[in-house]
Amino acid sequence: QVQLVESGGGLVQAGGSLRLSCAASGSIFSITAMGWYRQAPGKQRELVAIITMGGSTNYADSVKGRITISISRDNAKNTVYLQMNSLKPEDTANYYCYVVASLSPYWGQGTQVTVSS
């Protein structure tokens, strides 16, 4: 089992920056990938970015060049970060941390990001 705790959402003006964090604890040695999805009202949940424990990354085309995913690890937890720069109103959504551990998906509770124009 993996437990996830997200933080870092909020309200920001267009062009601003935010950093989201998601700390994973529990069976962290079984984690193979960590990432972020988002869901805007009336839209499907979509991948924002994902990173494997080997460091390979994948980004949605809409965020390339503006958003960077990274991870840090210690004996107690793995943390995935989403550094978001040059934010746009269309980035407004609920952002969900996503972890794959022992081939099973785990989701965070979601953190709201609102970008005002």
Protein backbone atom coordinates (compact mmCIF):
# COMPACT_ATOMS: atom_id res chain seq x y z
CA GLN A 1 0.00 0.00 0.00
CA VAL A 2 1.05 3.56 -0.77
CA GLN A 3 -0.23 6.70 0.91
CA LEU A 4 -0.16 10.03 -0.94
CA VAL A 5 -0.24 13.57 0.44
CA GLU A 6 -0.48 16.46 -2.01
CA SER A 7 0.22 20.13 -1.46
CA GLY A 8 0.90 23.32 -3.35
CA GLY A 9 -2.24 24.27 -5.24
CA GLY A 10 -3.77 27.72 -5.17
CA LEU A 11 -4.73 30.83 -7.07
CA VAL A 12 -2.23 32.54 -9.35
CA GLN A 13 -2.36 35.13 -12.09
CA ALA A 14 -1.65 34.22 -15.69
CA GLY A 15 2.07 34.10 -16.28
CA GLY A 16 2.76 33.11 -12.71
CA SER A 17 4.22 29.96 -11.20
CA LEU A 18 3.21 27.25 -8.77
CA ARG A 19 4.88 24.11 -7.50
CA LEU A 20 2.87 21.05 -6.59
CA SER A 21 4.24 18.33 -4.33
CA CYS A 22 3.08 14.81 -3.65
CA ALA A 23 4.74 12.74 -0.95
CA ALA A 24 4.34 8.97 -1.18
CA SER A 25 4.89 6.77 1.86
CA GLY A 26 4.36 3.11 2.67
CA SER A 27 5.56 0.56 0.12
CA ILE A 28 7.70 3.08 -1.73
CA PHE A 29 10.19 0.51 -2.96
CA SER A 30 7.46 -0.93 -5.18
CA ILE A 31 6.86 2.41 -6.96
CA THR A 32 7.73 2.39 -10.67
CA ALA A 33 6.31 5.73 -11.78
CA MET A 34 4.90 8.95 -10.35
CA GLY A 35 3.04 11.71 -12.10
CA TRP A 36 0.23 14.22 -12.29
CA TYR A 37 -3.12 14.26 -14.01
CA ARG A 38 -5.60 17.11 -14.11
CA GLN A 39 -9.31 17.47 -14.60
CA ALA A 40 -11.10 20.67 -15.49
CA PRO A 41 -14.87 21.05 -15.02
CA GLY A 42 -16.75 19.24 -17.77
CA LYS A 43 -13.61 17.64 -19.15
CA GLN A 44 -11.96 14.26 -18.89
CA ARG A 45 -8.99 13.69 -16.64
CA GLU A 46 -5.79 14.05 -18.64
CA LEU A 47 -2.14 13.31 -18.13
CA VAL A 48 0.02 16.33 -17.38
CA ALA A 49 3.38 14.67 -16.80
CA ILE A 50 4.83 11.41 -15.58
CA ILE A 51 8.28 10.25 -14.53
CA THR A 52 9.63 6.76 -14.01
CA MET A 53 11.96 5.86 -11.17
CA GLY A 54 14.63 5.56 -13.84
CA GLY A 55 14.13 9.23 -14.73
CA SER A 56 12.26 8.95 -18.03
CA THR A 57 9.63 11.62 -18.46
CA ASN A 58 6.56 12.22 -20.59
CA TYR A 59 4.63 15.47 -20.88
CA ALA A 60 1.36 16.52 -22.41
CA ASP A 61 1.99 18.62 -25.50
CA SER A 62 0.04 21.50 -23.97
CA VAL A 63 2.52 21.88 -21.09
CA LYS A 64 5.87 21.16 -22.75
CA GLY A 65 8.37 23.91 -22.08
CA ARG A 66 6.33 25.35 -19.20
CA ILE A 67 6.06 22.49 -16.71
CA THR A 68 8.78 20.28 -15.25
CA ILE A 69 8.34 17.08 -13.28
CA SER A 70 10.97 15.78 -10.87
CA ILE A 71 11.31 13.38 -7.97
CA SER A 72 13.26 13.13 -4.76
CA ARG A 73 13.75 10.03 -2.67
CA ASP A 74 14.80 9.13 0.83
CA ASN A 75 14.33 6.07 2.99
CA ALA A 76 10.89 7.15 4.21
CA LYS A 77 9.21 8.66 1.17
CA ASN A 78 9.29 9.48 -2.51
CA THR A 79 8.16 12.95 -3.48
CA VAL A 80 7.12 14.05 -6.95
CA TYR A 81 7.13 17.74 -7.84
CA LEU A 82 5.41 19.61 -10.62
CA GLN A 83 6.98 23.00 -11.28
CA MET A 84 4.53 25.02 -13.32
CA ASN A 85 5.67 28.26 -14.96
CA SER A 86 4.02 30.64 -17.41
CA LEU A 87 0.65 29.44 -16.24
CA LYS A 88 -2.38 30.05 -18.42
CA PRO A 89 -6.08 30.21 -17.56
CA GLU A 90 -6.54 26.92 -19.41
CA ASP A 91 -4.28 25.26 -16.84
CA THR A 92 -7.07 25.75 -14.30
CA ALA A 93 -8.06 22.31 -13.01
CA ASN A 94 -7.96 19.93 -10.10
CA TYR A 95 -4.54 18.28 -10.17
CA TYR A 96 -4.20 14.68 -9.02
CA CYS A 97 -1.04 12.90 -8.00
CA TYR A 98 -0.71 9.48 -9.60
CA VAL A 99 1.58 6.65 -8.56
CA VAL A 100 2.10 3.17 -9.93
CA ALA A 101 3.27 0.66 -7.34
CA SER A 102 3.34 -3.10 -7.87
CA LEU A 103 1.43 -2.49 -11.11
CA SER A 104 -1.44 -0.87 -9.18
CA PRO A 105 -2.51 2.78 -9.55
CA TYR A 106 -2.82 5.11 -6.59
CA TRP A 107 -4.44 8.54 -6.70
CA GLY A 108 -4.09 11.56 -4.48
CA GLN A 109 -7.07 13.52 -3.22
CA GLY A 110 -6.51 16.35 -5.69
CA THR A 111 -5.36 19.92 -5.31
CA GLN A 112 -7.01 22.85 -7.05
CA VAL A 113 -5.03 25.14 -9.33
CA THR A 114 -6.79 28.29 -10.51
CA VAL A 115 -5.15 30.67 -12.99
CA SER A 116 -6.82 34.04 -13.36
CA SER A 117 -6.55 36.10 -16.54
